[in-house]
Amino acid sequence: MLSGLIQQFEKASATYATANGVERDDDWFILKLQEEMGELTQIWNKITGRGRHKGMTDEELATALADETADVLGHVLLFAHRNGLDLAAAVERKWLFRPEEG
């Protein structure tokens, strides 16, 4: 499950980087993850009344929350892939279940 998902994110990220002239060096992966966490936090602050909605409806905020969470997931997987981390083994070790089993 994770390996297929990682490959899909890797392909999308590499395509984006090529199209936009972005060099995905070692630092880029952690910095991009941090950027996406900031964007997720910003949306969360808006939803929970700690930030301005800037004209966004509740539906738009909910969509943005899902989108930013997807970005964080993608960049966690990209970071793990870049650094040769076995996330499936780590999940089994830390969370006590096998991700491939659902």
PDB file of N, CA and C in Angstrom:
ATOM      1  N   MET A   1       0.820  -1.196   0.000  1.00  0.00           N
ATOM      2  CA  MET A   1       0.000   0.000   0.000  1.00  0.00           C
ATOM      3  C   MET A   1       0.866   1.261   0.000  1.00  0.00           C
ATOM      4  N   LEU A   2       1.766   1.366   0.970  1.00  0.00           N
ATOM      5  CA  LEU A   2       2.584   2.575   1.063  1.00  0.00           C
ATOM      6  C   LEU A   2       3.515   2.754  -0.123  1.00  0.00           C
ATOM      7  N   SER A   3       4.111   1.658  -0.594  1.00  0.00           N
ATOM      8  CA  SER A   3       5.078   1.800  -1.687  1.00  0.00           C
ATOM      9  C   SER A   3       4.409   2.329  -2.956  1.00  0.00           C
ATOM     10  N   GLY A   4       3.206   1.862  -3.246  1.00  0.00           N
ATOM     11  CA  GLY A   4       2.487   2.369  -4.413  1.00  0.00           C
ATOM     12  C   GLY A   4       2.127   3.835  -4.263  1.00  0.00           C
ATOM     13  N   LEU A   5       1.690   4.214  -3.085  1.00  0.00           N
ATOM     14  CA  LEU A   5       1.343   5.603  -2.803  1.00  0.00           C
ATOM     15  C   LEU A   5       2.581   6.497  -2.900  1.00  0.00           C
ATOM     16  N   ILE A   6       3.682   6.019  -2.332  1.00  0.00           N
ATOM     17  CA  ILE A   6       4.933   6.778  -2.396  1.00  0.00           C
ATOM     18  C   ILE A   6       5.332   7.020  -3.845  1.00  0.00           C
ATOM     19  N   GLN A   7       5.230   6.001  -4.678  1.00  0.00           N
ATOM     20  CA  GLN A   7       5.614   6.152  -6.085  1.00  0.00           C
ATOM     21  C   GLN A   7       4.723   7.162  -6.808  1.00  0.00           C
ATOM     22  N   GLN A   8       3.441   7.189  -6.476  1.00  0.00           N
ATOM     23  CA  GLN A   8       2.539   8.169  -7.093  1.00  0.00           C
ATOM     24  C   GLN A   8       2.913   9.591  -6.675  1.00  0.00           C
ATOM     25  N   PHE A   9       3.181   9.786  -5.380  1.00  0.00           N
ATOM     26  CA  PHE A   9       3.610  11.110  -4.912  1.00  0.00           C
ATOM     27  C   PHE A   9       4.954  11.491  -5.519  1.00  0.00           C
ATOM     28  N   GLU A  10       5.863  10.537  -5.614  1.00  0.00           N
ATOM     29  CA  GLU A  10       7.185  10.808  -6.186  1.00  0.00           C
ATOM     30  C   GLU A  10       7.055  11.276  -7.635  1.00  0.00           C
ATOM     31  N   LYS A  11       6.242  10.595  -8.410  1.00  0.00           N
ATOM     32  CA  LYS A  11       6.047  10.970  -9.811  1.00  0.00           C
ATOM     33  C   LYS A  11       5.447  12.376  -9.912  1.00  0.00           C
ATOM     34  N   ALA A  12       4.421  12.656  -9.122  1.00  0.00           N
ATOM     35  CA  ALA A  12       3.778  13.972  -9.159  1.00  0.00           C
ATOM     36  C   ALA A  12       4.747  15.070  -8.724  1.00  0.00           C
ATOM     37  N   SER A  13       5.530  14.801  -7.680  1.00  0.00           N
ATOM     38  CA  SER A  13       6.484  15.791  -7.186  1.00  0.00           C
ATOM     39  C   SER A  13       7.597  16.055  -8.185  1.00  0.00           C
ATOM     40  N   ALA A  14       8.126  15.001  -8.782  1.00  0.00           N
ATOM     41  CA  ALA A  14       9.189  15.160  -9.779  1.00  0.00           C
ATOM     42  C   ALA A  14       8.687  15.937 -10.989  1.00  0.00           C
ATOM     43  N   THR A  15       7.464  15.658 -11.415  1.00  0.00           N
ATOM     44  CA  THR A  15       6.874  16.377 -12.546  1.00  0.00           C
ATOM     45  C   THR A  15       6.720  17.859 -12.205  1.00  0.00           C
ATOM     46  N   TYR A  16       6.219  18.149 -11.018  1.00  0.00           N
ATOM     47  CA  TYR A  16       6.071  19.536 -10.552  1.00  0.00           C
ATOM     48  C   TYR A  16       7.427  20.237 -10.518  1.00  0.00           C
ATOM     49  N   ALA A  17       8.416  19.564  -9.951  1.00  0.00           N
ATOM     50  CA  ALA A  17       9.752  20.167  -9.831  1.00  0.00           C
ATOM     51  C   ALA A  17      10.341  20.488 -11.197  1.00  0.00           C
ATOM     52  N   THR A  18      10.215  19.576 -12.125  1.00  0.00           N
ATOM     53  CA  THR A  18      10.732  19.798 -13.480  1.00  0.00           C
ATOM     54  C   THR A  18      10.014  20.964 -14.151  1.00  0.00           C
ATOM     55  N   ALA A  19       8.708  20.992 -14.042  1.00  0.00           N
ATOM     56  CA  ALA A  19       7.915  22.050 -14.680  1.00  0.00           C
ATOM     57  C   ALA A  19       8.202  23.426 -14.089  1.00  0.00           C
ATOM     58  N   ASN A  20       8.618  23.467 -12.820  1.00  0.00           N
ATOM     59  CA  ASN A  20       8.816  24.752 -12.144  1.00  0.00           C
ATOM     60  C   ASN A  20      10.269  25.069 -11.822  1.00  0.00           C
ATOM     61  N   GLY A  21      11.188  24.277 -12.339  1.00  0.00           N
ATOM     62  CA  GLY A  21      12.602  24.536 -12.123  1.00  0.00           C
ATOM     63  C   GLY A  21      13.035  24.420 -10.673  1.00  0.00           C
ATOM     64  N   VAL A  22      12.439  23.484  -9.935  1.00  0.00           N
ATOM     65  CA  VAL A  22      12.743  23.292  -8.521  1.00  0.00           C
ATOM     66  C   VAL A  22      13.756  22.167  -8.379  1.00  0.00           C
ATOM     67  N   GLU A  23      14.813  22.440  -7.614  1.00  0.00           N
ATOM     68  CA  GLU A  23      15.792  21.396  -7.319  1.00  0.00           C
ATOM     69  C   GLU A  23      15.388  20.710  -6.018  1.00  0.00           C
ATOM     70  N   ARG A  24      15.071  19.440  -6.098  1.00  0.00           N
ATOM     71  CA  ARG A  24      14.659  18.689  -4.914  1.00  0.00           C
ATOM     72  C   ARG A  24      15.891  18.062  -4.248  1.00  0.00           C
ATOM     73  N   ASP A  25      16.687  18.899  -3.591  1.00  0.00           N
ATOM     74  CA  ASP A  25      17.853  18.384  -2.878  1.00  0.00           C
ATOM     75  C   ASP A  25      17.418  17.879  -1.505  1.00  0.00           C
ATOM     76  N   ASP A  26      18.356  17.367  -0.715  1.00  0.00           N
ATOM     77  CA  ASP A  26      18.004  16.782   0.581  1.00  0.00           C
ATOM     78  C   ASP A  26      17.231  17.752   1.465  1.00  0.00           C
ATOM     79  N   ASP A  27      17.663  19.005   1.525  1.00  0.00           N
ATOM     80  CA  ASP A  27      16.990  19.988   2.364  1.00  0.00           C
ATOM     81  C   ASP A  27      15.578  20.301   1.877  1.00  0.00           C
ATOM     82  N   TRP A  28      15.362  20.266   0.584  1.00  0.00           N
ATOM     83  CA  TRP A  28      14.060  20.630   0.031  1.00  0.00           C
ATOM     84  C   TRP A  28      12.951  19.772   0.645  1.00  0.00           C
ATOM     85  N   PHE A  29      13.213  18.496   0.829  1.00  0.00           N
ATOM     86  CA  PHE A  29      12.173  17.586   1.297  1.00  0.00           C
ATOM     87  C   PHE A  29      11.692  17.941   2.703  1.00  0.00           C
ATOM     88  N   ILE A  30      12.601  18.251   3.607  1.00  0.00           N
ATOM     89  CA  ILE A  30      12.182  18.608   4.969  1.00  0.00           C
ATOM     90  C   ILE A  30      11.614  20.026   5.007  1.00  0.00           C
ATOM     91  N   LEU A  31      12.189  20.918   4.218  1.00  0.00           N
ATOM     92  CA  LEU A  31      11.680  22.295   4.189  1.00  0.00           C
ATOM     93  C   LEU A  31      10.280  22.351   3.584  1.00  0.00           C
ATOM     94  N   LYS A  32      10.041  21.571   2.557  1.00  0.00           N
ATOM     95  CA  LYS A  32       8.713  21.540   1.932  1.00  0.00           C
ATOM     96  C   LYS A  32       7.686  20.935   2.897  1.00  0.00           C
ATOM     97  N   LEU A  33       8.088  19.912   3.647  1.00  0.00           N
ATOM     98  CA  LEU A  33       7.202  19.343   4.653  1.00  0.00           C
ATOM     99  C   LEU A  33       6.844  20.396   5.703  1.00  0.00           C
ATOM    100  N   GLN A  34       7.830  21.159   6.126  1.00  0.00           N
ATOM    101  CA  GLN A  34       7.585  22.218   7.111  1.00  0.00           C
ATOM    102  C   GLN A  34       6.646  23.288   6.540  1.00  0.00           C
ATOM    103  N   GLU A  35       6.852  23.641   5.291  1.00  0.00           N
ATOM    104  CA  GLU A  35       5.978  24.620   4.637  1.00  0.00           C
ATOM    105  C   GLU A  35       4.533  24.124   4.626  1.00  0.00           C
ATOM    106  N   GLU A  36       4.358  22.875   4.265  1.00  0.00           N
ATOM    107  CA  GLU A  36       3.000  22.317   4.202  1.00  0.00           C
ATOM    108  C   GLU A  36       2.376  22.223   5.589  1.00  0.00           C
ATOM    109  N   MET A  37       3.159  21.924   6.610  1.00  0.00           N
ATOM    110  CA  MET A  37       2.634  21.921   7.988  1.00  0.00           C
ATOM    111  C   MET A  37       2.170  23.326   8.376  1.00  0.00           C
ATOM    112  N   GLY A  38       2.910  24.330   7.946  1.00  0.00           N
ATOM    113  CA  GLY A  38       2.505  25.709   8.207  1.00  0.00           C
ATOM    114  C   GLY A  38       1.181  26.036   7.546  1.00  0.00           C
ATOM    115  N   GLU A  39       0.996  25.581   6.312  1.00  0.00           N
ATOM    116  CA  GLU A  39      -0.258  25.833   5.603  1.00  0.00           C
ATOM    117  C   GLU A  39      -1.422  25.091   6.261  1.00  0.00           C
ATOM    118  N   LEU A  40      -1.182  23.867   6.724  1.00  0.00           N
ATOM    119  CA  LEU A  40      -2.212  23.115   7.438  1.00  0.00           C
ATOM    120  C   LEU A  40      -2.575  23.827   8.738  1.00  0.00           C
ATOM    121  N   THR A  41      -1.577  24.298   9.445  1.00  0.00           N
ATOM    122  CA  THR A  41      -1.809  25.025  10.699  1.00  0.00           C
ATOM    123  C   THR A  41      -2.600  26.304  10.445  1.00  0.00           C
ATOM    124  N   GLN A  42      -2.286  27.003   9.366  1.00  0.00           N
ATOM    125  CA  GLN A  42      -2.990  28.239   9.034  1.00  0.00           C
ATOM    126  C   GLN A  42      -4.482  27.971   8.807  1.00  0.00           C
ATOM    127  N   ILE A  43      -4.797  26.930   8.065  1.00  0.00           N
ATOM    128  CA  ILE A  43      -6.202  26.585   7.823  1.00  0.00           C
ATOM    129  C   ILE A  43      -6.872  26.166   9.131  1.00  0.00           C
ATOM    130  N   TRP A  44      -6.175  25.378   9.940  1.00  0.00           N
ATOM    131  CA  TRP A  44      -6.737  24.958  11.220  1.00  0.00           C
ATOM    132  C   TRP A  44      -7.056  26.167  12.095  1.00  0.00           C
ATOM    133  N   ASN A  45      -6.148  27.134  12.101  1.00  0.00           N
ATOM    134  CA  ASN A  45      -6.386  28.349  12.882  1.00  0.00           C
ATOM    135  C   ASN A  45      -7.630  29.085  12.399  1.00  0.00           C
ATOM    136  N   LYS A  46      -7.836  29.119  11.100  1.00  0.00           N
ATOM    137  CA  LYS A  46      -9.039  29.764  10.568  1.00  0.00           C
ATOM    138  C   LYS A  46     -10.292  29.016  11.013  1.00  0.00           C
ATOM    139  N   ILE A  47     -10.263  27.699  10.911  1.00  0.00           N
ATOM    140  CA  ILE A  47     -11.426  26.881  11.259  1.00  0.00           C
ATOM    141  C   ILE A  47     -11.767  27.009  12.737  1.00  0.00           C
ATOM    142  N   THR A  48     -10.760  27.107  13.575  1.00  0.00           N
ATOM    143  CA  THR A  48     -10.985  27.133  15.022  1.00  0.00           C
ATOM    144  C   THR A  48     -11.084  28.537  15.594  1.00  0.00           C
ATOM    145  N   GLY A  49     -11.222  29.534  14.733  1.00  0.00           N
ATOM    146  CA  GLY A  49     -11.431  30.899  15.191  1.00  0.00           C
ATOM    147  C   GLY A  49     -10.180  31.625  15.649  1.00  0.00           C
ATOM    148  N   ARG A  50      -9.028  31.102  15.307  1.00  0.00           N
ATOM    149  CA  ARG A  50      -7.767  31.737  15.694  1.00  0.00           C
ATOM    150  C   ARG A  50      -7.133  32.514  14.544  1.00  0.00           C
ATOM    151  N   GLY A  51      -7.814  32.531  13.420  1.00  0.00           N
ATOM    152  CA  GLY A  51      -7.312  33.242  12.248  1.00  0.00           C
ATOM    153  C   GLY A  51      -8.474  33.767  11.426  1.00  0.00           C
ATOM    154  N   ARG A  52      -8.171  34.738  10.581  1.00  0.00           N
ATOM    155  CA  ARG A  52      -9.210  35.333   9.732  1.00  0.00           C
ATOM    156  C   ARG A  52      -9.607  34.382   8.607  1.00  0.00           C
ATOM    157  N   HIS A  53     -10.876  34.332   8.334  1.00  0.00           N
ATOM    158  CA  HIS A  53     -11.384  33.462   7.267  1.00  0.00           C
ATOM    159  C   HIS A  53     -11.053  34.002   5.882  1.00  0.00           C
ATOM    160  N   LYS A  54     -10.783  35.280   5.783  1.00  0.00           N
ATOM    161  CA  LYS A  54     -10.470  35.937   4.507  1.00  0.00           C
ATOM    162  C   LYS A  54     -11.498  35.603   3.435  1.00  0.00           C
ATOM    163  N   GLY A  55     -12.771  35.641   3.831  1.00  0.00           N
ATOM    164  CA  GLY A  55     -13.858  35.430   2.878  1.00  0.00           C
ATOM    165  C   GLY A  55     -14.137  33.979   2.540  1.00  0.00           C
ATOM    166  N   MET A  56     -13.438  33.043   3.163  1.00  0.00           N
ATOM    167  CA  MET A  56     -13.658  31.631   2.872  1.00  0.00           C
ATOM    168  C   MET A  56     -14.901  31.136   3.597  1.00  0.00           C
ATOM    169  N   THR A  57     -15.721  30.371   2.888  1.00  0.00           N
ATOM    170  CA  THR A  57     -16.903  29.763   3.493  1.00  0.00           C
ATOM    171  C   THR A  57     -16.477  28.551   4.329  1.00  0.00           C
ATOM    172  N   ASP A  58     -17.396  28.052   5.136  1.00  0.00           N
ATOM    173  CA  ASP A  58     -17.106  26.843   5.920  1.00  0.00           C
ATOM    174  C   ASP A  58     -16.759  25.670   5.001  1.00  0.00           C
ATOM    175  N   GLU A  59     -17.451  25.574   3.885  1.00  0.00           N
ATOM    176  CA  GLU A  59     -17.182  24.497   2.925  1.00  0.00           C
ATOM    177  C   GLU A  59     -15.788  24.651   2.318  1.00  0.00           C
ATOM    178  N   GLU A  60     -15.412  25.864   1.969  1.00  0.00           N
ATOM    179  CA  GLU A  60     -14.075  26.104   1.417  1.00  0.00           C
ATOM    180  C   GLU A  60     -12.987  25.808   2.449  1.00  0.00           C
ATOM    181  N   LEU A  61     -13.253  26.145   3.694  1.00  0.00           N
ATOM    182  CA  LEU A  61     -12.292  25.850   4.762  1.00  0.00           C
ATOM    183  C   LEU A  61     -12.134  24.340   4.951  1.00  0.00           C
ATOM    184  N   ALA A  62     -13.243  23.618   4.918  1.00  0.00           N
ATOM    185  CA  ALA A  62     -13.183  22.160   5.065  1.00  0.00           C
ATOM    186  C   ALA A  62     -12.406  21.525   3.919  1.00  0.00           C
ATOM    187  N   THR A  63     -12.639  22.015   2.714  1.00  0.00           N
ATOM    188  CA  THR A  63     -11.907  21.512   1.546  1.00  0.00           C
ATOM    189  C   THR A  63     -10.422  21.828   1.679  1.00  0.00           C
ATOM    190  N   ALA A  64     -10.110  23.046   2.102  1.00  0.00           N
ATOM    191  CA  ALA A  64      -8.710  23.445   2.278  1.00  0.00           C
ATOM    192  C   ALA A  64      -8.034  22.596   3.349  1.00  0.00           C
ATOM    193  N   LEU A  65      -8.760  22.265   4.419  1.00  0.00           N
ATOM    194  CA  LEU A  65      -8.198  21.421   5.472  1.00  0.00           C
ATOM    195  C   LEU A  65      -7.833  20.044   4.918  1.00  0.00           C
ATOM    196  N   ALA A  66      -8.725  19.471   4.143  1.00  0.00           N
ATOM    197  CA  ALA A  66      -8.452  18.165   3.525  1.00  0.00           C
ATOM    198  C   ALA A  66      -7.279  18.261   2.554  1.00  0.00           C
ATOM    199  N   ASP A  67      -7.256  19.318   1.740  1.00  0.00           N
ATOM    200  CA  ASP A  67      -6.180  19.494   0.761  1.00  0.00           C
ATOM    201  C   ASP A  67      -4.826  19.648   1.428  1.00  0.00           C
ATOM    202  N   GLU A  68      -4.771  20.462   2.470  1.00  0.00           N
ATOM    203  CA  GLU A  68      -3.490  20.676   3.156  1.00  0.00           C
ATOM    204  C   GLU A  68      -3.047  19.426   3.908  1.00  0.00           C
ATOM    205  N   THR A  69      -3.998  18.662   4.435  1.00  0.00           N
ATOM    206  CA  THR A  69      -3.649  17.400   5.083  1.00  0.00           C
ATOM    207  C   THR A  69      -3.077  16.428   4.054  1.00  0.00           C
ATOM    208  N   ALA A  70      -3.657  16.402   2.859  1.00  0.00           N
ATOM    209  CA  ALA A  70      -3.124  15.560   1.782  1.00  0.00           C
ATOM    210  C   ALA A  70      -1.709  15.986   1.407  1.00  0.00           C
ATOM    211  N   ASP A  71      -1.453  17.294   1.383  1.00  0.00           N
ATOM    212  CA  ASP A  71      -0.103  17.782   1.090  1.00  0.00           C
ATOM    213  C   ASP A  71       0.890  17.308   2.147  1.00  0.00           C
ATOM    214  N   VAL A  72       0.492  17.387   3.414  1.00  0.00           N
ATOM    215  CA  VAL A  72       1.383  16.937   4.497  1.00  0.00           C
ATOM    216  C   VAL A  72       1.662  15.444   4.351  1.00  0.00           C
ATOM    217  N   LEU A  73       0.627  14.654   4.103  1.00  0.00           N
ATOM    218  CA  LEU A  73       0.815  13.215   3.909  1.00  0.00           C
ATOM    219  C   LEU A  73       1.797  12.957   2.761  1.00  0.00           C
ATOM    220  N   GLY A  74       1.581  13.626   1.646  1.00  0.00           N
ATOM    221  CA  GLY A  74       2.462  13.440   0.496  1.00  0.00           C
ATOM    222  C   GLY A  74       3.903  13.774   0.818  1.00  0.00           C
ATOM    223  N   HIS A  75       4.106  14.866   1.516  1.00  0.00           N
ATOM    224  CA  HIS A  75       5.482  15.282   1.812  1.00  0.00           C
ATOM    225  C   HIS A  75       6.130  14.444   2.910  1.00  0.00           C
ATOM    226  N   VAL A  76       5.342  13.876   3.812  1.00  0.00           N
ATOM    227  CA  VAL A  76       5.900  12.905   4.760  1.00  0.00           C
ATOM    228  C   VAL A  76       6.405  11.681   3.986  1.00  0.00           C
ATOM    229  N   LEU A  77       5.596  11.205   3.059  1.00  0.00           N
ATOM    230  CA  LEU A  77       5.993  10.041   2.268  1.00  0.00           C
ATOM    231  C   LEU A  77       7.205  10.342   1.392  1.00  0.00           C
ATOM    232  N   LEU A  78       7.244  11.522   0.794  1.00  0.00           N
ATOM    233  CA  LEU A  78       8.403  11.908  -0.019  1.00  0.00           C
ATOM    234  C   LEU A  78       9.665  12.008   0.826  1.00  0.00           C
ATOM    235  N   PHE A  79       9.559  12.589   2.018  1.00  0.00           N
ATOM    236  CA  PHE A  79      10.704  12.705   2.920  1.00  0.00           C
ATOM    237  C   PHE A  79      11.220  11.319   3.306  1.00  0.00           C
ATOM    238  N   ALA A  80      10.301  10.433   3.652  1.00  0.00           N
ATOM    239  CA  ALA A  80      10.689   9.076   4.029  1.00  0.00           C
ATOM    240  C   ALA A  80      11.372   8.361   2.863  1.00  0.00           C
ATOM    241  N   HIS A  81      10.812   8.502   1.681  1.00  0.00           N
ATOM    242  CA  HIS A  81      11.386   7.861   0.495  1.00  0.00           C
ATOM    243  C   HIS A  81      12.782   8.390   0.214  1.00  0.00           C
ATOM    244  N   ARG A  82      12.949   9.684   0.253  1.00  0.00           N
ATOM    245  CA  ARG A  82      14.249  10.308  -0.017  1.00  0.00           C
ATOM    246  C   ARG A  82      15.318   9.822   0.964  1.00  0.00           C
ATOM    247  N   ASN A  83      14.886   9.557   2.204  1.00  0.00           N
ATOM    248  CA  ASN A  83      15.837   9.172   3.242  1.00  0.00           C
ATOM    249  C   ASN A  83      15.889   7.666   3.497  1.00  0.00           C
ATOM    250  N   GLY A  84      15.265   6.898   2.608  1.00  0.00           N
ATOM    251  CA  GLY A  84      15.335   5.449   2.696  1.00  0.00           C
ATOM    252  C   GLY A  84      14.689   4.865   3.946  1.00  0.00           C
ATOM    253  N   LEU A  85      13.642   5.525   4.442  1.00  0.00           N
ATOM    254  CA  LEU A  85      12.973   5.065   5.653  1.00  0.00           C
ATOM    255  C   LEU A  85      11.908   4.032   5.302  1.00  0.00           C
ATOM    256  N   ASP A  86      11.832   2.994   6.066  1.00  0.00           N
ATOM    257  CA  ASP A  86      10.805   1.971   5.895  1.00  0.00           C
ATOM    258  C   ASP A  86       9.638   2.329   6.801  1.00  0.00           C
ATOM    259  N   LEU A  87       8.702   3.092   6.267  1.00  0.00           N
ATOM    260  CA  LEU A  87       7.564   3.544   7.072  1.00  0.00           C
ATOM    261  C   LEU A  87       6.644   2.400   7.475  1.00  0.00           C
ATOM    262  N   ALA A  88       6.485   1.429   6.615  1.00  0.00           N
ATOM    263  CA  ALA A  88       5.625   0.295   6.966  1.00  0.00           C
ATOM    264  C   ALA A  88       6.176  -0.405   8.204  1.00  0.00           C
ATOM    265  N   ALA A  89       7.476  -0.632   8.250  1.00  0.00           N
ATOM    266  CA  ALA A  89       8.094  -1.269   9.414  1.00  0.00           C
ATOM    267  C   ALA A  89       7.985  -0.365  10.640  1.00  0.00           C
ATOM    268  N   ALA A  90       8.145   0.938  10.443  1.00  0.00           N
ATOM    269  CA  ALA A  90       8.053   1.868  11.567  1.00  0.00           C
ATOM    270  C   ALA A  90       6.635   1.915  12.124  1.00  0.00           C
ATOM    271  N   VAL A  91       5.637   1.881  11.249  1.00  0.00           N
ATOM    272  CA  VAL A  91       4.243   1.869  11.708  1.00  0.00           C
ATOM    273  C   VAL A  91       3.983   0.586  12.502  1.00  0.00           C
ATOM    274  N   GLU A  92       4.449  -0.523  11.982  1.00  0.00           N
ATOM    275  CA  GLU A  92       4.248  -1.788  12.687  1.00  0.00           C
ATOM    276  C   GLU A  92       4.926  -1.754  14.062  1.00  0.00           C
ATOM    277  N   ARG A  93       6.121  -1.192  14.110  1.00  0.00           N
ATOM    278  CA  ARG A  93       6.879  -1.114  15.361  1.00  0.00           C
ATOM    279  C   ARG A  93       6.234  -0.134  16.353  1.00  0.00           C
ATOM    280  N   LYS A  94       5.856   1.044  15.869  1.00  0.00           N
ATOM    281  CA  LYS A  94       5.369   2.110  16.749  1.00  0.00           C
ATOM    282  C   LYS A  94       3.868   2.033  17.014  1.00  0.00           C
ATOM    283  N   TRP A  95       3.089   1.627  16.016  1.00  0.00           N
ATOM    284  CA  TRP A  95       1.633   1.626  16.142  1.00  0.00           C
ATOM    285  C   TRP A  95       1.051   0.220  16.309  1.00  0.00           C
ATOM    286  N   LEU A  96       1.913  -0.786  16.150  1.00  0.00           N
ATOM    287  CA  LEU A  96       1.548  -2.180  16.405  1.00  0.00           C
ATOM    288  C   LEU A  96       0.500  -2.735  15.438  1.00  0.00           C
ATOM    289  N   PHE A  97       0.597  -2.308  14.170  1.00  0.00           N
ATOM    290  CA  PHE A  97      -0.199  -2.953  13.121  1.00  0.00           C
ATOM    291  C   PHE A  97       0.546  -2.838  11.811  1.00  0.00           C
ATOM    292  N   ARG A  98       0.143  -3.627  10.842  1.00  0.00           N
ATOM    293  CA  ARG A  98       0.774  -3.626   9.518  1.00  0.00           C
ATOM    294  C   ARG A  98      -0.066  -2.774   8.577  1.00  0.00           C
ATOM    295  N   PRO A  99       0.521  -1.712   8.004  1.00  0.00           N
ATOM    296  CA  PRO A  99      -0.247  -0.818   7.121  1.00  0.00           C
ATOM    297  C   PRO A  99      -0.856  -1.536   5.921  1.00  0.00           C
ATOM    298  N   GLU A 100      -0.187  -2.562   5.393  1.00  0.00           N
ATOM    299  CA  GLU A 100      -0.702  -3.245   4.213  1.00  0.00           C
ATOM    300  C   GLU A 100      -1.959  -4.044   4.520  1.00  0.00           C
ATOM    301  N   GLU A 101      -2.192  -4.331   5.800  1.00  0.00           N
ATOM    302  CA  GLU A 101      -3.361  -5.116   6.169  1.00  0.00           C
ATOM    303  C   GLU A 101      -4.614  -4.256   6.360  1.00  0.00           C
ATOM    304  N   GLY A 102      -4.441  -2.940   6.386  1.00  0.00           N
ATOM    305  CA  GLY A 102      -5.579  -2.054   6.542  1.00  0.00           C
ATOM    306  C   GLY A 102      -5.966  -1.736   7.924  1.00  0.00           C
TER     307      GLY A 102
END
